[in-house]
């Protein structure tokens, strides 16, 4: 189900908070809350929010890595380990 298909007015959230919380935990689908007929917020479980944040962090790291590759800012694993050894005084 798309978030745009799971829409409720804020009055529903106020009157059914406990039910909404349980449904968010089990369905893992965000809920769009409207105020005065317009979308005002998206509510989701903490577990789903944390998973979303972790996914975004991984995607950001991938994008940064891709940018580094495109800019030629890479070194071989041999060179990377040599640098680490040198920094640690092991070389």
PDB file of N, CA and C in Angstrom:
ATOM      1  N   UNK A   1       0.835  -1.180   0.000  1.00  0.00           N
ATOM      2  CA  UNK A   1       0.000   0.000   0.000  1.00  0.00           C
ATOM      3  C   UNK A   1       0.882   1.247   0.000  1.00  0.00           C
ATOM      4  N   UNK A   2       0.542   2.205  -0.825  1.00  0.00           N
ATOM      5  CA  UNK A   2       1.266   3.469  -0.869  1.00  0.00           C
ATOM      6  C   UNK A   2       0.797   4.363   0.279  1.00  0.00           C
ATOM      7  N   UNK A   3       1.712   5.207   0.803  1.00  0.00           N
ATOM      8  CA  UNK A   3       1.287   6.116   1.877  1.00  0.00           C
ATOM      9  C   UNK A   3       0.082   6.961   1.496  1.00  0.00           C
ATOM     10  N   UNK A   4      -0.009   7.335   0.227  1.00  0.00           N
ATOM     11  CA  UNK A   4      -1.138   8.164  -0.208  1.00  0.00           C
ATOM     12  C   UNK A   4      -2.472   7.425  -0.143  1.00  0.00           C
ATOM     13  N   UNK A   5      -2.435   6.112   0.080  1.00  0.00           N
ATOM     14  CA  UNK A   5      -3.665   5.327   0.189  1.00  0.00           C
ATOM     15  C   UNK A   5      -4.060   5.101   1.643  1.00  0.00           C
ATOM     16  N   UNK A   6      -3.235   5.520   2.588  1.00  0.00           N
ATOM     17  CA  UNK A   6      -3.495   5.322   4.013  1.00  0.00           C
ATOM     18  C   UNK A   6      -3.581   6.702   4.663  1.00  0.00           C
ATOM     19  N   UNK A   7      -4.717   7.347   4.488  1.00  0.00           N
ATOM     20  CA  UNK A   7      -4.902   8.733   4.909  1.00  0.00           C
ATOM     21  C   UNK A   7      -6.048   8.825   5.910  1.00  0.00           C
ATOM     22  N   UNK A   8      -5.791   9.561   6.997  1.00  0.00           N
ATOM     23  CA  UNK A   8      -6.825   9.773   8.014  1.00  0.00           C
ATOM     24  C   UNK A   8      -6.742  11.221   8.500  1.00  0.00           C
ATOM     25  N   UNK A   9      -7.891  11.776   8.931  1.00  0.00           N
ATOM     26  CA  UNK A   9      -7.861  13.126   9.501  1.00  0.00           C
ATOM     27  C   UNK A   9      -7.255  13.101  10.908  1.00  0.00           C
ATOM     28  N   UNK A  10      -6.792  14.245  11.349  1.00  0.00           N
ATOM     29  CA  UNK A  10      -6.162  14.329  12.665  1.00  0.00           C
ATOM     30  C   UNK A  10      -7.147  13.932  13.770  1.00  0.00           C
ATOM     31  N   UNK A  11      -8.420  14.172  13.547  1.00  0.00           N
ATOM     32  CA  UNK A  11      -9.427  13.780  14.546  1.00  0.00           C
ATOM     33  C   UNK A  11      -9.440  12.262  14.739  1.00  0.00           C
ATOM     34  N   UNK A  12      -9.204  11.514  13.667  1.00  0.00           N
ATOM     35  CA  UNK A  12      -9.135  10.053  13.776  1.00  0.00           C
ATOM     36  C   UNK A  12      -7.944   9.649  14.632  1.00  0.00           C
ATOM     37  N   UNK A  13      -6.801  10.302  14.420  1.00  0.00           N
ATOM     38  CA  UNK A  13      -5.613  10.006  15.220  1.00  0.00           C
ATOM     39  C   UNK A  13      -5.868  10.301  16.688  1.00  0.00           C
ATOM     40  N   UNK A  14      -6.487  11.421  16.964  1.00  0.00           N
ATOM     41  CA  UNK A  14      -6.780  11.791  18.352  1.00  0.00           C
ATOM     42  C   UNK A  14      -7.699  10.773  19.019  1.00  0.00           C
ATOM     43  N   UNK A  15      -8.720  10.334  18.310  1.00  0.00           N
ATOM     44  CA  UNK A  15      -9.712   9.422  18.875  1.00  0.00           C
ATOM     45  C   UNK A  15      -9.253   7.968  18.924  1.00  0.00           C
ATOM     46  N   UNK A  16      -8.261   7.610  18.092  1.00  0.00           N
ATOM     47  CA  UNK A  16      -7.867   6.202  17.967  1.00  0.00           C
ATOM     48  C   UNK A  16      -6.357   6.007  18.083  1.00  0.00           C
ATOM     49  N   UNK A  17      -5.705   6.774  18.923  1.00  0.00           N
ATOM     50  CA  UNK A  17      -4.243   6.745  19.007  1.00  0.00           C
ATOM     51  C   UNK A  17      -3.699   5.350  19.288  1.00  0.00           C
ATOM     52  N   UNK A  18      -4.280   4.648  20.233  1.00  0.00           N
ATOM     53  CA  UNK A  18      -3.786   3.315  20.581  1.00  0.00           C
ATOM     54  C   UNK A  18      -3.908   2.354  19.410  1.00  0.00           C
ATOM     55  N   UNK A  19      -5.049   2.373  18.737  1.00  0.00           N
ATOM     56  CA  UNK A  19      -5.253   1.522  17.553  1.00  0.00           C
ATOM     57  C   UNK A  19      -4.253   1.868  16.452  1.00  0.00           C
ATOM     58  N   UNK A  20      -4.054   3.151  16.226  1.00  0.00           N
ATOM     59  CA  UNK A  20      -3.134   3.602  15.187  1.00  0.00           C
ATOM     60  C   UNK A  20      -1.729   3.104  15.481  1.00  0.00           C
ATOM     61  N   UNK A  21      -1.304   3.226  16.734  1.00  0.00           N
ATOM     62  CA  UNK A  21       0.033   2.768  17.113  1.00  0.00           C
ATOM     63  C   UNK A  21       0.197   1.288  16.827  1.00  0.00           C
ATOM     64  N   UNK A  22      -0.756   0.489  17.229  1.00  0.00           N
ATOM     65  CA  UNK A  22      -0.667  -0.965  17.001  1.00  0.00           C
ATOM     66  C   UNK A  22      -0.677  -1.295  15.516  1.00  0.00           C
ATOM     67  N   UNK A  23      -1.510  -0.602  14.753  1.00  0.00           N
ATOM     68  CA  UNK A  23      -1.575  -0.857  13.305  1.00  0.00           C
ATOM     69  C   UNK A  23      -0.255  -0.487  12.631  1.00  0.00           C
ATOM     70  N   UNK A  24       0.344   0.629  13.042  1.00  0.00           N
ATOM     71  CA  UNK A  24       1.628   1.034  12.469  1.00  0.00           C
ATOM     72  C   UNK A  24       2.709  -0.002  12.770  1.00  0.00           C
ATOM     73  N   UNK A  25       2.672  -0.556  13.967  1.00  0.00           N
ATOM     74  CA  UNK A  25       3.668  -1.569  14.359  1.00  0.00           C
ATOM     75  C   UNK A  25       3.519  -2.854  13.551  1.00  0.00           C
ATOM     76  N   UNK A  26       2.285  -3.248  13.286  1.00  0.00           N
ATOM     77  CA  UNK A  26       2.072  -4.532  12.608  1.00  0.00           C
ATOM     78  C   UNK A  26       2.087  -4.426  11.092  1.00  0.00           C
ATOM     79  N   UNK A  27       1.513  -3.349  10.553  1.00  0.00           N
ATOM     80  CA  UNK A  27       1.415  -3.208   9.096  1.00  0.00           C
ATOM     81  C   UNK A  27       2.677  -2.641   8.464  1.00  0.00           C
ATOM     82  N   UNK A  28       3.465  -1.916   9.239  1.00  0.00           N
ATOM     83  CA  UNK A  28       4.689  -1.273   8.730  1.00  0.00           C
ATOM     84  C   UNK A  28       4.401  -0.333   7.574  1.00  0.00           C
ATOM     85  N   UNK A  29       3.223   0.285   7.616  1.00  0.00           N
ATOM     86  CA  UNK A  29       2.838   1.251   6.592  1.00  0.00           C
ATOM     87  C   UNK A  29       2.658   2.609   7.256  1.00  0.00           C
ATOM     88  N   UNK A  30       3.251   3.652   6.704  1.00  0.00           N
ATOM     89  CA  UNK A  30       3.065   4.980   7.288  1.00  0.00           C
ATOM     90  C   UNK A  30       1.625   5.454   7.114  1.00  0.00           C
ATOM     91  N   UNK A  31       1.224   6.368   7.970  1.00  0.00           N
ATOM     92  CA  UNK A  31      -0.117   6.924   7.937  1.00  0.00           C
ATOM     93  C   UNK A  31      -0.019   8.415   7.665  1.00  0.00           C
ATOM     94  N   UNK A  32      -0.714   8.881   6.648  1.00  0.00           N
ATOM     95  CA  UNK A  32      -0.749  10.312   6.334  1.00  0.00           C
ATOM     96  C   UNK A  32      -1.896  10.928   7.134  1.00  0.00           C
ATOM     97  N   UNK A  33      -1.589  11.967   7.894  1.00  0.00           N
ATOM     98  CA  UNK A  33      -2.584  12.668   8.702  1.00  0.00           C
ATOM     99  C   UNK A  33      -2.913  13.992   8.020  1.00  0.00           C
ATOM    100  N   UNK A  34      -4.202  14.251   7.913  1.00  0.00           N
ATOM    101  CA  UNK A  34      -4.627  15.502   7.290  1.00  0.00           C
ATOM    102  C   UNK A  34      -5.164  16.462   8.348  1.00  0.00           C
ATOM    103  N   UNK A  35      -5.043  17.724   8.026  1.00  0.00           N
ATOM    104  CA  UNK A  35      -5.621  18.783   8.858  1.00  0.00           C
ATOM    105  C   UNK A  35      -6.316  19.742   7.903  1.00  0.00           C
ATOM    106  N   UNK A  36      -7.579  19.979   8.159  1.00  0.00           N
ATOM    107  CA  UNK A  36      -8.387  20.820   7.275  1.00  0.00           C
ATOM    108  C   UNK A  36      -8.355  20.326   5.832  1.00  0.00           C
ATOM    109  N   UNK A  37      -8.340  19.005   5.665  1.00  0.00           N
ATOM    110  CA  UNK A  37      -8.416  18.412   4.334  1.00  0.00           C
ATOM    111  C   UNK A  37      -7.112  18.336   3.563  1.00  0.00           C
ATOM    112  N   UNK A  38      -6.012  18.801   4.166  1.00  0.00           N
ATOM    113  CA  UNK A  38      -4.720  18.765   3.477  1.00  0.00           C
ATOM    114  C   UNK A  38      -3.726  17.930   4.271  1.00  0.00           C
ATOM    115  N   UNK A  39      -2.846  17.244   3.565  1.00  0.00           N
ATOM    116  CA  UNK A  39      -1.825  16.437   4.227  1.00  0.00           C
ATOM    117  C   UNK A  39      -0.989  17.325   5.143  1.00  0.00           C
ATOM    118  N   UNK A  40      -0.821  16.893   6.400  1.00  0.00           N
ATOM    119  CA  UNK A  40      -0.086  17.691   7.374  1.00  0.00           C
ATOM    120  C   UNK A  40       1.145  16.974   7.912  1.00  0.00           C
ATOM    121  N   UNK A  41       1.077  15.644   8.009  1.00  0.00           N
ATOM    122  CA  UNK A  41       2.211  14.895   8.530  1.00  0.00           C
ATOM    123  C   UNK A  41       2.095  13.428   8.149  1.00  0.00           C
ATOM    124  N   UNK A  42       3.217  12.740   8.332  1.00  0.00           N
ATOM    125  CA  UNK A  42       3.262  11.294   8.130  1.00  0.00           C
ATOM    126  C   UNK A  42       3.688  10.678   9.460  1.00  0.00           C
ATOM    127  N   UNK A  43       2.962   9.660   9.891  1.00  0.00           N
ATOM    128  CA  UNK A  43       3.255   8.982  11.147  1.00  0.00           C
ATOM    129  C   UNK A  43       3.684   7.555  10.826  1.00  0.00           C
ATOM    130  N   UNK A  44       4.744   7.109  11.503  1.00  0.00           N
ATOM    131  CA  UNK A  44       5.186   5.734  11.313  1.00  0.00           C
ATOM    132  C   UNK A  44       5.757   5.220  12.628  1.00  0.00           C
ATOM    133  N   UNK A  45       5.922   3.913  12.728  1.00  0.00           N
ATOM    134  CA  UNK A  45       6.462   3.331  13.953  1.00  0.00           C
ATOM    135  C   UNK A  45       7.932   3.715  14.101  1.00  0.00           C
ATOM    136  N   UNK A  46       8.405   3.662  15.325  1.00  0.00           N
ATOM    137  CA  UNK A  46       9.807   3.988  15.595  1.00  0.00           C
ATOM    138  C   UNK A  46      10.726   3.013  14.865  1.00  0.00           C
ATOM    139  N   UNK A  47      10.379   1.738  14.875  1.00  0.00           N
ATOM    140  CA  UNK A  47      11.214   0.734  14.201  1.00  0.00           C
ATOM    141  C   UNK A  47      11.322   1.033  12.701  1.00  0.00           C
ATOM    142  N   UNK A  48      10.200   1.387  12.085  1.00  0.00           N
ATOM    143  CA  UNK A  48      10.225   1.704  10.657  1.00  0.00           C
ATOM    144  C   UNK A  48      11.001   2.996  10.395  1.00  0.00           C
ATOM    145  N   UNK A  49      10.861   3.968  11.292  1.00  0.00           N
ATOM    146  CA  UNK A  49      11.615   5.215  11.148  1.00  0.00           C
ATOM    147  C   UNK A  49      13.113   4.937  11.228  1.00  0.00           C
ATOM    148  N   UNK A  50      13.525   4.142  12.209  1.00  0.00           N
ATOM    149  CA  UNK A  50      14.950   3.815  12.349  1.00  0.00           C
ATOM    150  C   UNK A  50      15.472   3.088  11.125  1.00  0.00           C
ATOM    151  N   UNK A  51      14.683   2.164  10.595  1.00  0.00           N
ATOM    152  CA  UNK A  51      15.095   1.430   9.398  1.00  0.00           C
ATOM    153  C   UNK A  51      15.237   2.382   8.213  1.00  0.00           C
ATOM    154  N   UNK A  52      14.324   3.316   8.089  1.00  0.00           N
ATOM    155  CA  UNK A  52      14.396   4.310   7.016  1.00  0.00           C
ATOM    156  C   UNK A  52      15.657   5.154   7.150  1.00  0.00           C
ATOM    157  N   UNK A  53      15.980   5.580   8.376  1.00  0.00           N
ATOM    158  CA  UNK A  53      17.173   6.392   8.603  1.00  0.00           C
ATOM    159  C   UNK A  53      18.447   5.612   8.273  1.00  0.00           C
ATOM    160  N   UNK A  54      18.491   4.337   8.644  1.00  0.00           N
ATOM    161  CA  UNK A  54      19.653   3.498   8.319  1.00  0.00           C
ATOM    162  C   UNK A  54      19.790   3.338   6.807  1.00  0.00           C
ATOM    163  N   UNK A  55      18.680   3.136   6.132  1.00  0.00           N
ATOM    164  CA  UNK A  55      18.704   2.999   4.671  1.00  0.00           C
ATOM    165  C   UNK A  55      19.208   4.279   4.024  1.00  0.00           C
ATOM    166  N   UNK A  56      18.725   5.414   4.497  1.00  0.00           N
ATOM    167  CA  UNK A  56      19.182   6.694   3.945  1.00  0.00           C
ATOM    168  C   UNK A  56      20.674   6.905   4.187  1.00  0.00           C
ATOM    169  N   UNK A  57      21.155   6.517   5.368  1.00  0.00           N
ATOM    170  CA  UNK A  57      22.586   6.664   5.662  1.00  0.00           C
ATOM    171  C   UNK A  57      23.418   5.802   4.717  1.00  0.00           C
ATOM    172  N   UNK A  58      22.973   4.571   4.476  1.00  0.00           N
ATOM    173  CA  UNK A  58      23.690   3.691   3.553  1.00  0.00           C
ATOM    174  C   UNK A  58      23.673   4.245   2.129  1.00  0.00           C
ATOM    175  N   UNK A  59      22.540   4.757   1.715  1.00  0.00           N
ATOM    176  CA  UNK A  59      22.451   5.348   0.371  1.00  0.00           C
ATOM    177  C   UNK A  59      23.368   6.569   0.247  1.00  0.00           C
ATOM    178  N   UNK A  60      23.462   7.346   1.308  1.00  0.00           N
ATOM    179  CA  UNK A  60      24.352   8.507   1.287  1.00  0.00           C
ATOM    180  C   UNK A  60      25.807   8.064   1.158  1.00  0.00           C
ATOM    181  N   UNK A  61      26.177   7.008   1.914  1.00  0.00           N
ATOM    182  CA  UNK A  61      27.545   6.501   1.816  1.00  0.00           C
ATOM    183  C   UNK A  61      27.837   5.975   0.415  1.00  0.00           C
ATOM    184  N   UNK A  62      26.871   5.275  -0.180  1.00  0.00           N
ATOM    185  CA  UNK A  62      27.051   4.772  -1.540  1.00  0.00           C
ATOM    186  C   UNK A  62      27.236   5.922  -2.527  1.00  0.00           C
ATOM    187  N   UNK A  63      26.438   6.970  -2.372  1.00  0.00           N
ATOM    188  CA  UNK A  63      26.558   8.122  -3.263  1.00  0.00           C
ATOM    189  C   UNK A  63      27.919   8.796  -3.101  1.00  0.00           C
ATOM    190  N   UNK A  64      28.387   8.909  -1.852  1.00  0.00           N
ATOM    191  CA  UNK A  64      29.697   9.510  -1.615  1.00  0.00           C
ATOM    192  C   UNK A  64      30.803   8.649  -2.226  1.00  0.00           C
ATOM    193  N   UNK A  65      30.667   7.330  -2.101  1.00  0.00           N
ATOM    194  CA  UNK A  65      31.655   6.429  -2.691  1.00  0.00           C
ATOM    195  C   UNK A  65      31.660   6.538  -4.211  1.00  0.00           C
ATOM    196  N   UNK A  66      30.469   6.611  -4.796  1.00  0.00           N
ATOM    197  CA  UNK A  66      30.379   6.755  -6.245  1.00  0.00           C
ATOM    198  C   UNK A  66      31.019   8.069  -6.698  1.00  0.00           C
ATOM    199  N   UNK A  67      30.796   9.119  -5.934  1.00  0.00           N
ATOM    200  CA  UNK A  67      31.391  10.409  -6.264  1.00  0.00           C
ATOM    201  C   UNK A  67      32.913  10.335  -6.153  1.00  0.00           C
ATOM    202  N   UNK A  68      33.405   9.680  -5.101  1.00  0.00           N
ATOM    203  CA  UNK A  68      34.848   9.508  -4.940  1.00  0.00           C
ATOM    204  C   UNK A  68      35.461   8.738  -6.090  1.00  0.00           C
ATOM    205  N   UNK A  69      34.778   7.692  -6.528  1.00  0.00           N
ATOM    206  CA  UNK A  69      35.258   6.922  -7.678  1.00  0.00           C
ATOM    207  C   UNK A  69      35.293   7.781  -8.934  1.00  0.00           C
ATOM    208  N   UNK A  70      34.226   8.543  -9.140  1.00  0.00           N
ATOM    209  CA  UNK A  70      34.154   9.395 -10.331  1.00  0.00           C
ATOM    210  C   UNK A  70      35.242  10.464 -10.334  1.00  0.00           C
ATOM    211  N   UNK A  71      35.626  10.921  -9.149  1.00  0.00           N
ATOM    212  CA  UNK A  71      36.649  11.967  -9.042  1.00  0.00           C
ATOM    213  C   UNK A  71      38.062  11.391  -8.919  1.00  0.00           C
ATOM    214  N   UNK A  72      38.167  10.075  -8.973  1.00  0.00           N
ATOM    215  CA  UNK A  72      39.483   9.438  -8.888  1.00  0.00           C
ATOM    216  C   UNK A  72      40.109   9.502  -7.507  1.00  0.00           C
ATOM    217  N   UNK A  73      39.287   9.602  -6.481  1.00  0.00           N
ATOM    218  CA  UNK A  73      39.785   9.697  -5.104  1.00  0.00           C
ATOM    219  C   UNK A  73      39.809   8.319  -4.437  1.00  0.00           C
ATOM    220  N   UNK A  74      40.439   7.372  -5.085  1.00  0.00           N
ATOM    221  CA  UNK A  74      40.503   6.024  -4.531  1.00  0.00           C
ATOM    222  C   UNK A  74      41.954   5.561  -4.468  1.00  0.00           C
ATOM    223  N   UNK A  75      42.191   4.603  -3.589  1.00  0.00           N
ATOM    224  CA  UNK A  75      43.507   3.970  -3.508  1.00  0.00           C
ATOM    225  C   UNK A  75      43.283   2.468  -3.435  1.00  0.00           C
ATOM    226  N   UNK A  76      44.288   1.723  -3.789  1.00  0.00           N
ATOM    227  CA  UNK A  76      44.179   0.269  -3.715  1.00  0.00           C
ATOM    228  C   UNK A  76      44.141  -0.152  -2.250  1.00  0.00           C
ATOM    229  N   UNK A  77      43.670  -1.361  -2.015  1.00  0.00           N
ATOM    230  CA  UNK A  77      43.640  -1.868  -0.639  1.00  0.00           C
ATOM    231  C   UNK A  77      45.062  -1.975  -0.093  1.00  0.00           C
ATOM    232  N   UNK A  78      46.014  -2.328  -0.933  1.00  0.00           N
ATOM    233  CA  UNK A  78      47.409  -2.422  -0.512  1.00  0.00           C
ATOM    234  C   UNK A  78      47.902  -1.057  -0.005  1.00  0.00           C
ATOM    235  N   UNK A  79      47.596  -0.006  -0.756  1.00  0.00           N
ATOM    236  CA  UNK A  79      47.989   1.348  -0.363  1.00  0.00           C
ATOM    237  C   UNK A  79      47.263   1.782   0.910  1.00  0.00           C
ATOM    238  N   UNK A  80      45.984   1.455   1.023  1.00  0.00           N
ATOM    239  CA  UNK A  80      45.205   1.828   2.206  1.00  0.00           C
ATOM    240  C   UNK A  80      45.793   1.180   3.461  1.00  0.00           C
ATOM    241  N   UNK A  81      46.128  -0.107   3.386  1.00  0.00           N
ATOM    242  CA  UNK A  81      46.707  -0.795   4.543  1.00  0.00           C
ATOM    243  C   UNK A  81      48.096  -0.254   4.869  1.00  0.00           C
ATOM    244  N   UNK A  82      48.858   0.088   3.858  1.00  0.00           N
ATOM    245  CA  UNK A  82      50.179   0.673   4.093  1.00  0.00           C
ATOM    246  C   UNK A  82      50.043   2.002   4.839  1.00  0.00           C
ATOM    247  N   UNK A  83      49.073   2.805   4.455  1.00  0.00           N
ATOM    248  CA  UNK A  83      48.831   4.086   5.139  1.00  0.00           C
ATOM    249  C   UNK A  83      48.412   3.859   6.590  1.00  0.00           C
ATOM    250  N   UNK A  84      47.545   2.884   6.804  1.00  0.00           N
ATOM    251  CA  UNK A  84      47.120   2.572   8.174  1.00  0.00           C
ATOM    252  C   UNK A  84      48.297   2.109   9.032  1.00  0.00           C
ATOM    253  N   UNK A  85      49.115   1.242   8.479  1.00  0.00           N
ATOM    254  CA  UNK A  85      50.279   0.773   9.228  1.00  0.00           C
ATOM    255  C   UNK A  85      51.204   1.928   9.589  1.00  0.00           C
ATOM    256  N   UNK A  86      51.386   2.833   8.626  1.00  0.00           N
ATOM    257  CA  UNK A  86      52.268   3.983   8.856  1.00  0.00           C
ATOM    258  C   UNK A  86      51.691   4.876   9.962  1.00  0.00           C
ATOM    259  N   UNK A  87      50.387   5.125   9.939  1.00  0.00           N
ATOM    260  CA  UNK A  87      49.749   5.965  10.958  1.00  0.00           C
ATOM    261  C   UNK A  87      49.855   5.332  12.352  1.00  0.00           C
ATOM    262  N   UNK A  88      49.823   4.020  12.407  1.00  0.00           N
ATOM    263  CA  UNK A  88      49.887   3.299  13.679  1.00  0.00           C
ATOM    264  C   UNK A  88      51.316   3.000  14.125  1.00  0.00           C
ATOM    265  N   UNK A  89      52.249   3.404  13.284  1.00  0.00           N
ATOM    266  CA  UNK A  89      53.649   3.151  13.618  1.00  0.00           C
ATOM    267  C   UNK A  89      54.059   1.697  13.469  1.00  0.00           C
ATOM    268  N   UNK A  90      53.373   0.999  12.591  1.00  0.00           N
ATOM    269  CA  UNK A  90      53.645  -0.434  12.379  1.00  0.00           C
ATOM    270  C   UNK A  90      54.466  -0.675  11.113  1.00  0.00           C
ATOM    271  N   UNK A  91      54.770   0.372  10.383  1.00  0.00           N
ATOM    272  CA  UNK A  91      55.481   0.192   9.109  1.00  0.00           C
ATOM    273  C   UNK A  91      56.988   0.274   9.290  1.00  0.00           C
TER     274      UNK A  91
END
